[in-house]
């Protein structure tokens, strides 16, 4: 008898003691529970490790909402988060753009990011923070004349930092982690779609993306982030769904990842981001879902995937986070968008080792009339009305109560937003402590030298703690039944096992 078997025998005796078989109901319940436990307890360890996914159902649906930096008012952002919560959304992606926050080297302005984070907390929506875009002083744009800058036909913030500024990015990334880990944010993405020129221009002389350079940026960032918070989840930037272009302006996501590993990426990220646009596409290079596990089989498949590349380098256990995907309604009608969203959520819910799926985006951009599909990715129309896809999300999640965690309206002044604890956002270095008990630095602040303060992993808010206390009280009031004692004794042990759904039937 091995240790697992003997341990289970002792545990069975414990269950039998909890369920004294004084009647047929207790005997039947004990038999059911013990049978279910036997099936999961005796499963081979390697089989248990196959699916470590903790994101299922409503615990992983996200959408990109409006943020304080891209809205006309704080109340507009508030309404965006309220609507997302009403749909049952649990996650959002928030940008922490280096380009905007450290426009002048050594000086941070956190105002809009603080406000967005506090609104997310107010509606109990979890944040995955994307740290992207480089300020001009850190890129080759800084070497251009004003005339040259004005002549550019693309955004100035699409340039990658010069190699001599990789450590500056790592320092900034760590300061972001240090600042917001105290507020429950521990998931941070390193750049957005670095495998295409549209978001990573190596330099003005060589504007094409480089997996090798991106890997060096990861190497400069990862240790600093973990020094700021050992429990941080550093997510390597989202892979795009396109073939490699002959002119080098785009590198296919799977090829890009292979080159990252060749350049030394192993050990420098905790999860991989992917943008699986194109679910259902006939050809592999345009089907972002097939990129992940080479399933479903598609035409022109190379027989490899993001997961197979990760597995070949010992990283097959790491999660793939779907930090952006969706369907526009310029090239497809609204009903097709809704059906596509349903396909995504069903496929995501059935696939192991995935992080949350975050849809792009909540709102169409206005005014209408352009031929740019980017303006039509919303599940809400420009006037705020719901497209069918918004109802599809709500039907999948069951919706949620959109009442703020703390009651009270957001003040009308953009510079006077309230945090969910009732305390104002910090304005000076002497300012308040937020509800986690950890003070936010000044809105205008100097970067830290080392960012070595260790932070807790995903601390619960006071509101959640109170809710848990209330639930515990309710359980106590329900009487000292065998089932209640079982739940209290082994709930932690049972969490995330395959028979959790069985227990949910009796909770």
Protein backbone atom coordinates (compact mmCIF):
# COMPACT_ATOMS: atom_id res chain seq x y z
CA UNK A 1 0.00 0.00 0.00
CA UNK A 2 1.55 3.32 -1.07
CA UNK A 3 1.37 6.50 0.99
CA UNK A 4 -1.49 7.93 -1.04
CA UNK A 5 -3.58 4.79 -0.54
CA UNK A 6 -2.92 4.56 3.19
CA UNK A 7 -3.58 8.28 3.54
CA UNK A 8 -6.88 7.87 1.77
CA UNK A 9 -7.84 4.98 4.04
CA UNK A 10 -7.35 7.24 7.05
CA UNK A 11 -9.34 9.97 5.32
CA UNK A 12 -12.17 7.51 4.61
CA UNK A 13 -12.32 6.67 8.32
CA UNK A 14 -12.60 10.40 9.01
CA UNK A 15 -15.53 10.71 6.58
CA UNK A 16 -17.27 7.73 8.12
CA UNK A 17 -16.95 9.36 11.52
CA UNK A 18 -18.46 12.54 10.11
CA UNK A 19 -21.38 10.58 8.62
CA UNK A 20 -22.55 8.24 11.41
CA UNK A 21 -24.79 5.86 9.53
CA UNK A 22 -27.82 6.22 11.75
CA UNK A 23 -30.11 6.33 8.76
CA UNK A 24 -30.22 5.43 5.09
CA UNK A 25 -29.73 9.02 3.95
CA UNK A 26 -26.45 9.43 5.83
CA UNK A 27 -25.23 6.07 4.61
CA UNK A 28 -26.03 6.95 1.00
CA UNK A 29 -24.45 10.38 1.26
CA UNK A 30 -21.31 8.95 2.82
CA UNK A 31 -21.07 6.35 0.07
CA UNK A 32 -21.44 9.00 -2.66
CA UNK A 33 -18.85 11.30 -1.17
CA UNK A 34 -16.35 8.52 -0.48
CA UNK A 35 -16.79 7.15 -4.03
CA UNK A 36 -16.21 10.58 -5.53
CA UNK A 37 -13.16 11.14 -3.35
CA UNK A 38 -11.78 7.73 -4.25
CA UNK A 39 -11.95 8.54 -7.96
CA UNK A 40 -10.03 11.78 -7.57
CA UNK A 41 -7.66 10.81 -4.76
CA UNK A 42 -6.33 7.71 -6.45
CA UNK A 43 -5.88 9.29 -9.87
CA UNK A 44 -2.26 9.26 -10.98
CA UNK A 45 -0.34 12.44 -10.12
CA UNK A 46 0.53 13.03 -13.76
CA UNK A 47 -3.14 12.88 -14.70
CA UNK A 48 -4.01 15.41 -12.01
CA UNK A 49 -1.40 17.77 -13.41
CA UNK A 50 -2.85 17.77 -16.91
CA UNK A 51 -5.44 20.47 -16.18
CA UNK A 52 -4.50 23.06 -13.61
CA UNK A 53 -6.93 25.61 -15.00
CA UNK A 54 -8.59 27.75 -12.36
CA UNK A 55 -10.51 29.93 -14.81
CA UNK A 56 -13.85 28.47 -15.76
CA UNK A 57 -17.35 29.79 -16.28
CA UNK A 58 -17.75 33.26 -14.83
CA UNK A 59 -14.29 33.26 -13.24
CA UNK A 60 -12.46 34.24 -16.38
CA UNK A 61 -14.61 36.28 -18.76
CA UNK A 62 -13.19 39.75 -19.35
CA UNK A 63 -13.64 42.72 -21.63
CA UNK A 64 -11.69 45.89 -22.38
CA UNK A 65 -13.64 48.79 -20.90
CA UNK A 66 -13.08 52.51 -21.21
CA UNK A 67 -10.26 53.97 -19.12
CA UNK A 68 -9.78 57.42 -17.71
CA UNK A 69 -7.17 58.28 -20.37
CA UNK A 70 -9.44 57.47 -23.34
CA UNK A 71 -12.81 58.75 -22.10
CA UNK A 72 -14.34 62.21 -21.97
CA UNK A 73 -15.16 62.01 -18.25
CA UNK A 74 -14.77 59.85 -15.19
CA UNK A 75 -18.52 59.26 -15.18
CA UNK A 76 -18.19 57.73 -18.66
CA UNK A 77 -15.61 55.28 -17.31
CA UNK A 78 -17.82 54.55 -14.33
CA UNK A 79 -20.72 53.68 -16.61
CA UNK A 80 -18.45 51.48 -18.73
CA UNK A 81 -17.42 49.39 -15.70
CA UNK A 82 -20.98 49.28 -14.39
CA UNK A 83 -22.22 47.89 -17.71
CA UNK A 84 -19.42 45.32 -17.81
CA UNK A 85 -20.35 44.16 -14.33
CA UNK A 86 -24.02 43.91 -15.33
CA UNK A 87 -22.92 41.54 -18.11
CA UNK A 88 -21.21 39.35 -15.50
CA UNK A 89 -17.69 40.25 -16.61
CA UNK A 90 -15.00 39.48 -13.99
CA UNK A 91 -11.85 40.82 -15.71
CA UNK A 92 -10.61 43.76 -17.70
CA UNK A 93 -7.34 44.74 -19.32
CA UNK A 94 -5.97 48.11 -18.28
CA UNK A 95 -3.01 49.73 -20.00
CA UNK A 96 -0.17 51.22 -17.97
CA UNK A 97 1.44 53.10 -20.88
CA UNK A 98 5.04 54.00 -20.16
CA UNK A 99 4.74 56.60 -22.93
CA UNK A 100 2.19 58.61 -20.94
CA UNK A 101 3.16 57.96 -17.32
CA UNK A 102 6.89 58.74 -17.58
CA UNK A 103 6.95 61.32 -20.36
CA UNK A 104 9.93 62.92 -18.63
CA UNK A 105 12.58 60.51 -17.45
CA UNK A 106 12.44 60.13 -13.69
CA UNK A 107 8.97 61.66 -13.19
CA UNK A 108 5.75 59.66 -13.00
CA UNK A 109 2.15 60.84 -13.30
CA UNK A 110 -0.13 58.06 -12.05
CA UNK A 111 -3.37 60.04 -11.96
CA UNK A 112 -5.44 58.44 -14.73
CA UNK A 113 -4.22 54.93 -13.93
CA UNK A 114 -5.04 55.33 -10.23
CA UNK A 115 -8.53 56.49 -11.13
CA UNK A 116 -9.15 53.59 -13.49
CA UNK A 117 -7.92 51.05 -10.94
CA UNK A 118 -10.12 52.48 -8.21
CA UNK A 119 -13.20 52.30 -10.45
CA UNK A 120 -12.36 48.66 -11.26
CA UNK A 121 -12.13 47.96 -7.53
CA UNK A 122 -15.41 49.73 -6.96
CA UNK A 123 -17.14 47.23 -9.26
CA UNK A 124 -15.04 44.26 -8.10
CA UNK A 125 -13.60 43.66 -11.57
CA UNK A 126 -10.14 42.10 -11.62
CA UNK A 127 -7.41 43.83 -13.63
CA UNK A 128 -4.77 42.40 -15.93
CA UNK A 129 -2.39 45.30 -16.50
CA UNK A 130 -0.58 45.68 -19.81
CA UNK A 131 2.67 47.65 -19.64
CA UNK A 132 3.44 48.91 -23.12
CA UNK A 133 4.62 51.84 -25.29
CA UNK A 134 7.90 53.68 -24.72
CA UNK A 135 8.34 57.43 -24.16
CA UNK A 136 10.17 59.35 -26.86
CA UNK A 137 13.27 59.85 -24.72
CA UNK A 138 13.77 56.06 -24.66
CA UNK A 139 13.32 55.45 -28.42
CA UNK A 140 14.83 56.53 -31.70
CA UNK A 141 12.00 59.08 -31.98
CA UNK A 142 13.91 61.12 -29.43
CA UNK A 143 16.69 61.56 -31.99
CA UNK A 144 14.34 62.96 -34.64
CA UNK A 145 13.74 66.61 -35.41
CA UNK A 146 10.24 67.99 -34.91
CA UNK A 147 9.78 68.05 -38.68
CA UNK A 148 10.73 64.37 -38.88
CA UNK A 149 8.35 63.50 -36.05
CA UNK A 150 5.51 65.38 -37.70
CA UNK A 151 6.12 63.60 -40.98
CA UNK A 152 5.60 60.13 -39.48
CA UNK A 153 2.59 58.26 -40.84
CA UNK A 154 2.25 56.16 -37.69
CA UNK A 155 2.03 56.64 -33.95
CA UNK A 156 5.19 57.76 -32.19
CA UNK A 157 4.51 55.39 -29.30
CA UNK A 158 4.87 52.28 -31.49
CA UNK A 159 8.67 52.40 -31.25
CA UNK A 160 10.45 49.95 -28.99
CA UNK A 161 12.92 51.26 -26.44
CA UNK A 162 16.55 51.35 -27.44
CA UNK A 163 18.62 48.55 -25.88
CA UNK A 164 20.29 51.01 -23.50
CA UNK A 165 16.83 51.77 -22.05
CA UNK A 166 15.68 48.18 -21.49
CA UNK A 167 16.61 48.51 -17.83
CA UNK A 168 14.55 51.70 -17.63
CA UNK A 169 11.54 49.78 -18.88
CA UNK A 170 12.24 47.03 -16.34
CA UNK A 171 12.51 49.62 -13.58
CA UNK A 172 9.23 51.23 -14.66
CA UNK A 173 7.52 47.82 -14.91
CA UNK A 174 8.67 46.95 -11.38
CA UNK A 175 7.41 50.27 -10.06
CA UNK A 176 4.01 49.57 -11.63
CA UNK A 177 4.00 46.13 -9.98
CA UNK A 178 5.07 47.61 -6.65
CA UNK A 179 2.37 50.27 -6.76
CA UNK A 180 -0.60 48.13 -7.78
CA UNK A 181 0.16 44.74 -6.20
CA UNK A 182 -1.02 46.28 -2.96
CA UNK A 183 -4.43 46.62 -4.61
CA UNK A 184 -4.80 43.03 -5.70
CA UNK A 185 -3.28 43.31 -9.17
CA UNK A 186 -0.61 40.68 -9.76
CA UNK A 187 -0.99 39.91 -13.49
CA UNK A 188 1.11 42.10 -15.80
CA UNK A 189 1.72 41.77 -19.53
CA UNK A 190 5.03 42.81 -21.08
CA UNK A 191 4.05 44.82 -24.17
CA UNK A 192 1.22 44.45 -26.66
CA UNK A 193 1.65 42.35 -29.81
CA UNK A 194 5.42 42.76 -30.10
CA UNK A 195 5.43 40.42 -33.11
CA UNK A 196 4.13 43.08 -35.49
CA UNK A 197 5.48 46.43 -36.64
CA UNK A 198 2.29 48.17 -35.62
CA UNK A 199 3.30 47.86 -31.96
CA UNK A 200 7.06 47.18 -32.03
CA UNK A 201 9.21 49.25 -34.35
CA UNK A 202 12.75 48.29 -33.51
CA UNK A 203 14.12 51.66 -34.64
CA UNK A 204 13.66 54.28 -37.34
CA UNK A 205 16.40 52.55 -39.36
CA UNK A 206 15.02 49.03 -38.81
CA UNK A 207 11.29 49.30 -38.09
CA UNK A 208 10.56 45.56 -38.06
CA UNK A 209 9.79 43.51 -34.93
CA UNK A 210 12.54 41.43 -33.35
CA UNK A 211 11.88 38.42 -31.07
CA UNK A 212 15.52 38.58 -30.01
CA UNK A 213 15.26 42.19 -28.85
CA UNK A 214 11.95 41.54 -27.15
CA UNK A 215 13.51 38.64 -25.25
CA UNK A 216 16.27 40.95 -24.00
CA UNK A 217 13.54 43.28 -22.75
CA UNK A 218 11.94 40.34 -20.92
CA UNK A 219 15.28 39.44 -19.38
CA UNK A 220 15.72 43.00 -18.13
CA UNK A 221 12.19 43.05 -16.70
CA UNK A 222 11.44 39.67 -15.16
CA UNK A 223 13.85 39.72 -12.19
CA UNK A 224 12.93 43.31 -11.32
CA UNK A 225 9.21 42.46 -11.36
CA UNK A 226 9.73 39.49 -9.04
CA UNK A 227 11.88 41.58 -6.73
CA UNK A 228 8.93 43.97 -6.44
CA UNK A 229 6.49 41.11 -5.80
CA UNK A 230 7.65 37.46 -5.73
CA UNK A 231 4.09 36.36 -6.56
CA UNK A 232 3.72 38.47 -9.69
CA UNK A 233 2.55 36.79 -12.89
CA UNK A 234 4.74 38.19 -15.69
CA UNK A 235 2.93 37.54 -18.97
CA UNK A 236 4.92 37.54 -22.21
CA UNK A 237 3.32 39.84 -24.80
CA UNK A 238 0.35 38.72 -26.90
CA UNK A 239 1.05 36.83 -30.11
CA UNK A 240 -0.67 37.97 -33.30
CA UNK A 241 -2.57 35.77 -35.75
CA UNK A 242 -0.95 36.34 -39.13
CA UNK A 243 1.59 34.59 -41.34
CA UNK A 244 5.16 35.84 -41.34
CA UNK A 245 5.41 38.58 -43.95
CA UNK A 246 8.22 38.54 -46.46
CA UNK A 247 9.05 42.16 -45.68
CA UNK A 248 9.52 41.32 -41.99
CA UNK A 249 6.77 43.61 -40.70
CA UNK A 250 4.96 40.68 -39.06
CA UNK A 251 6.31 37.48 -37.52
CA UNK A 252 3.87 34.60 -37.07
CA UNK A 253 3.13 34.04 -33.37
CA UNK A 254 4.40 30.45 -33.19
CA UNK A 255 7.59 31.30 -35.08
CA UNK A 256 8.04 34.34 -32.85
CA UNK A 257 7.80 32.19 -29.71
CA UNK A 258 10.34 29.70 -31.09
CA UNK A 259 12.78 32.53 -31.71
CA UNK A 260 12.12 33.89 -28.22
CA UNK A 261 13.17 30.57 -26.71
CA UNK A 262 16.21 30.43 -28.96
CA UNK A 263 17.16 33.87 -27.62
CA UNK A 264 16.85 32.80 -23.97
CA UNK A 265 13.23 33.51 -22.99
CA UNK A 266 12.91 30.43 -20.78
CA UNK A 267 12.75 31.41 -17.13
CA UNK A 268 11.82 35.00 -17.95
CA UNK A 269 8.02 34.80 -18.07
CA UNK A 270 5.33 33.05 -16.04
CA UNK A 271 2.49 32.92 -18.59
CA UNK A 272 2.13 33.57 -22.30
CA UNK A 273 -0.37 36.02 -23.77
CA UNK A 274 -2.11 35.24 -27.04
CA UNK A 275 -4.72 37.07 -29.13
CA UNK A 276 -6.68 34.21 -30.73
CA UNK A 277 -8.61 36.14 -33.36
CA UNK A 278 -10.12 34.15 -36.20
CA UNK A 279 -11.72 31.21 -34.42
CA UNK A 280 -13.31 29.06 -37.12
CA UNK A 281 -11.00 30.27 -39.90
CA UNK A 282 -10.25 27.63 -42.54
CA UNK A 283 -6.51 28.19 -42.74
CA UNK A 284 -4.17 27.73 -39.78
CA UNK A 285 -2.27 31.00 -40.10
CA UNK A 286 -5.52 32.96 -39.66
CA UNK A 287 -7.10 30.76 -36.97
CA UNK A 288 -5.82 32.03 -33.64
CA UNK A 289 -7.53 29.27 -31.70
CA UNK A 290 -5.65 26.60 -33.65
CA UNK A 291 -2.37 28.36 -32.81
CA UNK A 292 -2.62 27.33 -29.18
CA UNK A 293 -2.90 23.53 -29.35
CA UNK A 294 -3.14 22.85 -33.11
CA UNK A 295 -6.80 22.04 -32.51
CA UNK A 296 -9.10 22.03 -34.35
CA UNK A 297 -7.11 20.80 -37.32
CA UNK A 298 -6.97 23.40 -40.06
CA UNK A 299 -5.59 23.62 -43.56
CA UNK A 300 -1.86 24.38 -43.89
CA UNK A 301 -1.23 23.50 -40.25
CA UNK A 302 2.52 23.16 -39.56
CA UNK A 303 1.80 20.50 -36.95
CA UNK A 304 3.02 22.65 -34.07
CA UNK A 305 1.49 25.18 -31.74
CA UNK A 306 2.27 27.65 -28.99
CA UNK A 307 1.72 24.90 -26.44
CA UNK A 308 3.91 22.38 -28.24
CA UNK A 309 6.73 24.94 -28.45
CA UNK A 310 6.35 25.69 -24.74
CA UNK A 311 6.27 21.98 -23.90
CA UNK A 312 9.43 21.36 -25.91
CA UNK A 313 11.17 23.84 -23.61
CA UNK A 314 9.72 22.50 -20.37
CA UNK A 315 7.01 25.16 -20.08
CA UNK A 316 3.97 23.10 -21.05
CA UNK A 317 2.45 23.64 -17.60
CA UNK A 318 2.30 27.42 -18.04
CA UNK A 319 -1.02 29.06 -18.81
CA UNK A 320 -1.84 30.86 -22.03
CA UNK A 321 -3.75 34.06 -21.26
CA UNK A 322 -6.15 35.26 -23.94
CA UNK A 323 -5.59 38.96 -23.34
CA UNK A 324 -7.41 40.15 -26.45
CA UNK A 325 -9.82 38.70 -28.98
CA UNK A 326 -13.16 39.52 -30.53
CA UNK A 327 -15.07 40.14 -33.75
CA UNK A 328 -15.81 43.44 -35.45
CA UNK A 329 -19.20 44.26 -36.98
CA UNK A 330 -17.83 46.06 -40.03
CA UNK A 331 -16.81 42.84 -41.80
CA UNK A 332 -19.50 40.72 -40.14
CA UNK A 333 -23.04 41.43 -39.00
CA UNK A 334 -24.03 41.69 -35.36
CA UNK A 335 -25.52 38.19 -35.22
CA UNK A 336 -22.27 36.68 -36.52
CA UNK A 337 -20.42 38.62 -33.82
CA UNK A 338 -22.70 37.12 -31.16
CA UNK A 339 -22.23 33.60 -32.52
CA UNK A 340 -18.46 34.11 -32.61
CA UNK A 341 -18.46 35.21 -28.97
CA UNK A 342 -20.45 32.11 -28.04
CA UNK A 343 -17.92 29.93 -29.88
CA UNK A 344 -15.05 31.60 -28.03
CA UNK A 345 -16.60 31.19 -24.60
CA UNK A 346 -17.55 27.56 -25.14
CA UNK A 347 -14.12 26.64 -26.53
CA UNK A 348 -12.36 28.54 -23.76
CA UNK A 349 -14.48 26.90 -21.07
CA UNK A 350 -13.53 23.43 -22.33
CA UNK A 351 -9.80 23.99 -22.87
CA UNK A 352 -7.29 23.31 -20.07
CA UNK A 353 -4.42 25.54 -18.96
CA UNK A 354 -5.88 28.81 -20.18
CA UNK A 355 -6.01 32.05 -18.26
CA UNK A 356 -8.92 34.47 -18.58
CA UNK A 357 -10.33 35.41 -21.98
CA UNK A 358 -10.57 39.18 -22.40
CA UNK A 359 -12.69 40.45 -25.27
CA UNK A 360 -11.89 43.55 -27.28
CA UNK A 361 -13.91 45.60 -26.60
CA UNK A 362 -16.96 46.94 -24.75
CA UNK A 363 -17.73 50.05 -26.83
CA UNK A 364 -17.70 50.89 -30.50
CA UNK A 365 -15.73 54.03 -31.20
CA UNK A 366 -17.56 57.11 -32.37
CA UNK A 367 -18.43 58.82 -34.55
CA UNK A 368 -19.48 56.13 -36.99
CA UNK A 369 -18.76 56.36 -40.67
CA UNK A 370 -15.18 55.19 -40.96
CA UNK A 371 -14.04 52.12 -42.86
CA UNK A 372 -11.69 51.17 -40.03
CA UNK A 373 -12.81 47.89 -38.47
CA UNK A 374 -11.14 48.96 -35.20
CA UNK A 375 -14.11 51.28 -34.67
CA UNK A 376 -16.61 48.41 -34.68
CA UNK A 377 -15.26 45.81 -32.23
CA UNK A 378 -17.60 46.85 -29.41
CA UNK A 379 -20.43 44.74 -28.04
CA UNK A 380 -22.13 48.07 -27.36
CA UNK A 381 -22.98 50.44 -30.18
CA UNK A 382 -21.67 54.00 -30.11
CA UNK A 383 -24.92 55.17 -28.51
CA UNK A 384 -24.51 52.66 -25.67
CA UNK A 385 -27.19 50.22 -26.84
CA UNK A 386 -26.43 46.51 -26.60
CA UNK A 387 -25.54 44.43 -29.62
CA UNK A 388 -26.56 40.75 -29.52
CA UNK A 389 -23.02 39.80 -28.42
CA UNK A 390 -23.49 41.74 -25.17
CA UNK A 391 -26.55 39.63 -24.40
CA UNK A 392 -24.57 36.51 -25.34
CA UNK A 393 -21.97 37.35 -22.69
CA UNK A 394 -24.64 38.00 -20.07
CA UNK A 395 -26.45 34.77 -20.91
CA UNK A 396 -23.18 32.82 -20.58
CA UNK A 397 -22.19 34.38 -17.24
CA UNK A 398 -25.66 34.76 -15.80
CA UNK A 399 -25.03 38.47 -15.30
CA UNK A 400 -24.17 40.12 -12.01
CA UNK A 401 -25.29 42.77 -9.57
CA UNK A 402 -23.81 46.04 -10.85
CA UNK A 403 -24.19 47.82 -7.50
CA UNK A 404 -20.82 49.31 -6.48
CA UNK A 405 -19.00 47.56 -3.65
CA UNK A 406 -19.27 50.80 -1.71
CA UNK A 407 -22.34 52.96 -2.38
CA UNK A 408 -21.96 56.59 -3.35
CA UNK A 409 -21.65 58.39 -6.64
CA UNK A 410 -18.36 59.24 -8.26
CA UNK A 411 -17.75 62.99 -7.83
CA UNK A 412 -18.23 64.92 -11.07
CA UNK A 413 -14.74 66.43 -11.02
CA UNK A 414 -12.23 64.26 -12.86
CA UNK A 415 -9.55 65.07 -10.32
CA UNK A 416 -11.63 64.12 -7.29
CA UNK A 417 -12.53 60.49 -7.81
CA UNK A 418 -13.21 58.50 -4.64
CA UNK A 419 -11.76 55.09 -3.88
CA UNK A 420 -14.12 52.36 -2.86
CA UNK A 421 -13.20 52.70 0.79
CA UNK A 422 -14.44 56.27 0.80
CA UNK A 423 -10.95 57.77 0.92
CA UNK A 424 -9.82 60.13 -1.86
CA UNK A 425 -7.10 59.16 -4.27
CA UNK A 426 -3.67 60.25 -3.06
CA UNK A 427 -2.70 63.75 -4.11
CA UNK A 428 0.41 64.34 -2.02
CA UNK A 429 3.18 62.26 -0.53
CA UNK A 430 1.55 62.57 2.91
CA UNK A 431 -1.78 61.31 1.70
CA UNK A 432 -4.05 58.53 2.73
CA UNK A 433 -3.93 54.80 3.02
CA UNK A 434 -6.23 52.88 0.73
CA UNK A 435 -8.41 50.02 1.81
CA UNK A 436 -5.63 47.43 1.56
CA UNK A 437 -3.70 49.24 4.29
CA UNK A 438 -0.83 50.02 1.92
CA UNK A 439 -0.38 53.69 0.99
CA UNK A 440 -0.19 54.64 -2.65
CA UNK A 441 2.80 56.82 -3.49
CA UNK A 442 2.23 60.37 -4.64
CA UNK A 443 0.40 60.82 -7.92
CA UNK A 444 3.49 62.67 -9.15
CA UNK A 445 6.44 60.64 -7.91
CA UNK A 446 10.03 59.74 -8.49
CA UNK A 447 10.87 56.23 -9.71
CA UNK A 448 12.29 53.89 -7.10
CA UNK A 449 15.88 52.75 -7.13
CA UNK A 450 15.24 49.06 -6.69
CA UNK A 451 11.48 48.31 -6.35
CA UNK A 452 12.33 45.51 -3.93
CA UNK A 453 9.32 45.73 -1.60
CA UNK A 454 7.64 42.35 -1.40
CA UNK A 455 3.88 42.43 -1.76
CA UNK A 456 1.22 39.85 -0.94
CA UNK A 457 -0.39 37.76 -3.64
CA UNK A 458 -3.85 38.91 -4.72
CA UNK A 459 -5.04 40.20 -1.32
CA UNK A 460 -8.78 40.14 -0.80
CA UNK A 461 -10.52 43.45 -0.37
CA UNK A 462 -12.16 44.26 2.93
CA UNK A 463 -15.50 43.90 1.21
CA UNK A 464 -14.74 40.33 0.16
CA UNK A 465 -13.47 39.53 3.65
CA UNK A 466 -16.72 40.81 5.12
CA UNK A 467 -18.69 38.80 2.58
CA UNK A 468 -16.76 35.66 3.52
CA UNK A 469 -17.47 36.31 7.20
CA UNK A 470 -21.15 36.67 6.38
CA UNK A 471 -21.14 33.42 4.42
CA UNK A 472 -19.42 31.67 7.33
CA UNK A 473 -22.04 33.02 9.71
CA UNK A 474 -24.79 31.77 7.44
CA UNK A 475 -23.23 28.31 7.36
CA UNK A 476 -23.00 28.29 11.16
CA UNK A 477 -26.64 29.33 11.44
CA UNK A 478 -27.66 26.45 9.22
CA UNK A 479 -26.92 23.95 11.97
CA UNK A 480 -24.15 21.50 12.72
CA UNK A 481 -25.10 19.04 9.99
CA UNK A 482 -22.68 16.39 8.73
CA UNK A 483 -22.48 18.17 5.39
CA UNK A 484 -21.65 21.47 7.09
CA UNK A 485 -18.90 19.81 9.11
CA UNK A 486 -17.54 18.15 5.96
CA UNK A 487 -17.47 21.46 4.10
CA UNK A 488 -15.73 23.26 6.97
CA UNK A 489 -13.14 20.53 7.45
CA UNK A 490 -12.04 19.83 3.91
CA UNK A 491 -13.13 22.73 1.66
CA UNK A 492 -9.57 23.97 1.27
CA UNK A 493 -8.34 20.47 0.42
CA UNK A 494 -11.02 20.00 -2.17
CA UNK A 495 -10.60 23.30 -4.01
CA UNK A 496 -9.75 22.99 -7.72
CA UNK A 497 -10.15 19.18 -7.83
CA UNK A 498 -12.15 17.51 -10.52
CA UNK A 499 -15.04 16.59 -8.25
CA UNK A 500 -15.68 20.19 -7.07
CA UNK A 501 -18.85 20.28 -9.12
CA UNK A 502 -20.11 17.27 -7.16
CA UNK A 503 -19.74 19.16 -3.89
CA UNK A 504 -21.40 22.22 -5.38
CA UNK A 505 -24.57 20.18 -5.69
CA UNK A 506 -24.73 19.98 -1.89
CA UNK A 507 -23.50 23.50 -1.01
